[in-house]
Amino acid sequence: MTDQSKAISQDKRLVEAIANGTVIDHIAPGQAMNILRLFTFLGRGKKNRMTVGFNLKSGDMQSKDIIKIENVTFSPSETEQLAILAPNATINQISDYKVVDKYKLRLPPEIVGAFSCPNSNCITHQEKDATPRFKIFKKDNGQVMMRCHYCERVFEREIVLKTNGLEP
């Protein structure tokens, strides 16, 4: 094997390309599992092919997770939920094996109905019509914080995730 063919084989993609769908790239290591738990990509009757990579090498990060899902496009509310789990991720929309749209996720100013409040005394645990709602903001050190609209308690993102059965 020549040096040139070695270089080509080392650059080979570890994850198969998809024809149409969505690629969630630059996910912090470990967060791909949370995304899979939060979203139902393979529910009853769904036959979406999916590729998930954990702790892959990355030029920007030391390692990253990646999810490729065929024939799935995220709604705006779903991308907001994704941003809570993977605030530095990139979404690539794929059509005919080509990237037709690419954007970085941004934290929404508010998220409604996606996560329950960690405060067991919060009204959202007693009242049916009180849909959990959080204001989202970052501290100066970059830590993501979530303020409950009803009880006004402020929680670290990790506490909200843990309360909702997800890994921080």
Protein backbone atom coordinates (compact mmCIF):
# COMPACT_ATOMS: atom_id res chain seq x y z
CA MET A 1 0.00 0.00 0.00
CA THR A 2 1.42 3.38 -1.01
CA ASP A 3 1.58 6.39 1.29
CA GLN A 4 -1.09 8.10 -0.82
CA SER A 5 -3.54 5.17 -0.57
CA LYS A 6 -2.90 4.98 3.20
CA ALA A 7 -3.83 8.66 3.52
CA ILE A 8 -7.00 8.12 1.47
CA SER A 9 -8.08 5.12 3.56
CA GLN A 10 -7.44 7.05 6.80
CA ASP A 11 -9.73 9.86 5.58
CA LYS A 12 -12.55 7.39 4.88
CA ARG A 13 -15.81 8.30 6.57
CA LEU A 14 -16.68 6.23 9.63
CA VAL A 15 -20.39 6.99 9.26
CA GLU A 16 -22.39 6.20 6.09
CA ALA A 17 -23.92 9.08 4.12
CA ILE A 18 -27.71 9.45 3.93
CA ALA A 19 -29.76 10.34 0.84
CA ASN A 20 -32.37 12.56 2.54
CA GLY A 21 -32.85 13.56 6.15
CA THR A 22 -31.05 15.31 8.97
CA VAL A 23 -27.57 15.11 10.45
CA ILE A 24 -27.07 16.42 13.98
CA ASP A 25 -23.32 17.04 14.21
CA HIS A 26 -20.97 18.39 16.89
CA ILE A 27 -23.02 16.95 19.76
CA ALA A 28 -21.13 16.99 23.06
CA PRO A 29 -19.98 13.45 23.95
CA GLY A 30 -22.74 11.55 25.76
CA GLN A 31 -25.59 13.83 24.69
CA ALA A 32 -26.60 11.71 21.67
CA MET A 33 -28.20 9.23 24.08
CA ASN A 34 -30.30 12.04 25.59
CA ILE A 35 -31.45 13.09 22.12
CA LEU A 36 -32.43 9.51 21.32
CA ARG A 37 -34.37 9.27 24.62
CA LEU A 38 -36.18 12.58 24.13
CA PHE A 39 -37.21 12.05 20.50
CA THR A 40 -39.00 8.98 19.09
CA PHE A 41 -37.36 8.34 15.75
CA LEU A 42 -38.08 4.63 15.58
CA GLY A 43 -41.63 4.43 16.94
CA ARG A 44 -44.39 2.11 15.75
CA GLY A 45 -44.61 2.04 11.99
CA LYS A 46 -41.57 4.27 11.49
CA LYS A 47 -38.80 2.78 9.42
CA ASN A 48 -36.25 5.57 9.60
CA ARG A 49 -32.70 4.39 9.12
CA MET A 50 -30.46 5.95 11.70
CA THR A 51 -26.73 6.04 12.34
CA VAL A 52 -25.38 7.12 15.72
CA GLY A 53 -21.72 7.71 16.44
CA PHE A 54 -20.32 8.13 19.93
CA ASN A 55 -16.99 9.74 20.89
CA LEU A 56 -15.87 10.28 17.29
CA LYS A 57 -12.78 12.34 16.48
CA SER A 58 -13.50 15.98 15.75
CA GLY A 59 -11.42 18.85 14.43
CA ASP A 60 -13.26 21.43 16.55
CA MET A 61 -13.73 19.34 19.68
CA GLN A 62 -11.65 16.52 21.14
CA SER A 63 -14.53 14.14 20.51
CA LYS A 64 -18.17 14.40 19.51
CA ASP A 65 -21.36 12.43 18.99
CA ILE A 66 -23.29 12.48 15.71
CA ILE A 67 -26.78 11.33 14.68
CA LYS A 68 -27.90 10.79 11.08
CA ILE A 69 -31.61 10.16 10.52
CA GLU A 70 -33.09 9.42 7.14
CA ASN A 71 -36.35 11.08 6.08
CA VAL A 72 -36.68 13.24 9.21
CA THR A 73 -36.85 17.03 9.38
CA PHE A 74 -37.05 18.84 12.71
CA SER A 75 -39.76 21.37 13.50
CA PRO A 76 -38.79 24.69 15.13
CA SER A 77 -39.96 23.46 18.57
CA GLU A 78 -37.91 20.27 18.16
CA THR A 79 -34.78 22.27 17.30
CA GLU A 80 -35.35 24.30 20.49
CA GLN A 81 -35.43 21.08 22.51
CA LEU A 82 -32.29 19.92 20.71
CA ALA A 83 -30.57 23.19 21.62
CA ILE A 84 -31.16 22.53 25.33
CA LEU A 85 -29.48 19.11 24.99
CA ALA A 86 -26.75 20.11 22.54
CA PRO A 87 -26.38 23.91 22.44
CA ASN A 88 -23.27 23.78 20.23
CA ALA A 89 -24.58 21.25 17.71
CA THR A 90 -24.96 21.83 13.99
CA ILE A 91 -27.98 20.71 11.95
CA ASN A 92 -27.45 19.65 8.34
CA GLN A 93 -30.49 19.08 6.11
CA ILE A 94 -29.65 16.53 3.43
CA SER A 95 -31.37 16.16 0.05
CA ASP A 96 -30.09 13.80 -2.65
CA TYR A 97 -26.88 13.22 -0.64
CA LYS A 98 -26.10 16.96 -0.53
CA VAL A 99 -26.27 19.46 2.32
CA VAL A 100 -29.04 21.89 1.34
CA ASP A 101 -29.24 23.77 4.65
CA LYS A 102 -26.81 24.00 7.54
CA TYR A 103 -27.19 25.95 10.77
CA LYS A 104 -25.91 26.03 14.33
CA LEU A 105 -28.43 25.52 17.08
CA ARG A 106 -29.17 28.51 19.31
CA LEU A 107 -30.64 28.40 22.76
CA PRO A 108 -34.25 29.60 22.66
CA PRO A 109 -35.26 32.40 25.04
CA GLU A 110 -38.04 30.13 26.32
CA ILE A 111 -39.08 26.48 26.05
CA VAL A 112 -42.63 25.26 26.66
CA GLY A 113 -43.87 21.76 27.44
CA ALA A 114 -40.63 19.85 26.84
CA PHE A 115 -39.34 19.39 30.40
CA SER A 116 -41.03 19.14 33.78
CA CYS A 117 -40.02 21.43 36.66
CA PRO A 118 -37.63 19.92 39.22
CA ASN A 119 -39.50 21.74 42.03
CA SER A 120 -42.00 19.15 43.33
CA ASN A 121 -44.11 21.99 44.80
CA CYS A 122 -44.44 23.75 41.44
CA ILE A 123 -48.04 24.26 40.26
CA THR A 124 -47.22 22.38 37.03
CA HIS A 125 -47.29 19.13 39.03
CA GLN A 126 -50.85 19.76 40.32
CA GLU A 127 -52.67 21.72 37.60
CA LYS A 128 -53.42 20.08 34.23
CA ASP A 129 -53.53 23.41 32.39
CA ALA A 130 -50.18 24.61 33.77
CA THR A 131 -47.79 23.51 31.01
CA PRO A 132 -44.16 23.64 32.18
CA ARG A 133 -42.41 26.71 30.77
CA PHE A 134 -38.82 27.85 31.29
CA LYS A 135 -36.91 31.02 30.45
CA ILE A 136 -33.46 30.05 29.18
CA PHE A 137 -30.29 32.08 29.77
CA LYS A 138 -26.55 31.66 30.11
CA LYS A 139 -24.44 32.78 33.02
CA ASP A 140 -21.23 34.71 32.36
CA ASN A 141 -19.29 31.43 32.57
CA GLY A 142 -21.45 29.92 29.78
CA GLN A 143 -23.52 27.66 32.04
CA VAL A 144 -27.09 27.21 30.78
CA MET A 145 -29.75 28.10 33.35
CA MET A 146 -33.52 27.57 33.26
CA ARG A 147 -36.07 29.66 35.22
CA CYS A 148 -39.53 28.14 35.76
CA HIS A 149 -42.29 30.51 34.66
CA TYR A 150 -44.59 29.41 37.53
CA CYS A 151 -42.48 28.86 40.65
CA GLU A 152 -39.71 31.22 39.42
CA ARG A 153 -37.00 28.88 40.69
CA VAL A 154 -33.77 28.87 38.69
CA PHE A 155 -32.15 25.54 37.86
CA GLU A 156 -28.96 24.51 36.14
CA ARG A 157 -29.70 22.77 32.85
CA GLU A 158 -28.17 19.59 34.27
CA ILE A 159 -30.72 19.49 37.13
CA VAL A 160 -33.64 19.85 34.70
CA LEU A 161 -32.22 17.09 32.49
CA LYS A 162 -31.68 14.75 35.43
CA THR A 163 -35.22 15.39 36.72
CA ASN A 164 -36.53 14.43 33.29
CA GLY A 165 -34.63 11.12 33.17
CA LEU A 166 -31.80 12.41 30.97
CA GLU A 167 -28.06 12.43 31.63
CA PRO A 168 -26.42 15.80 32.28
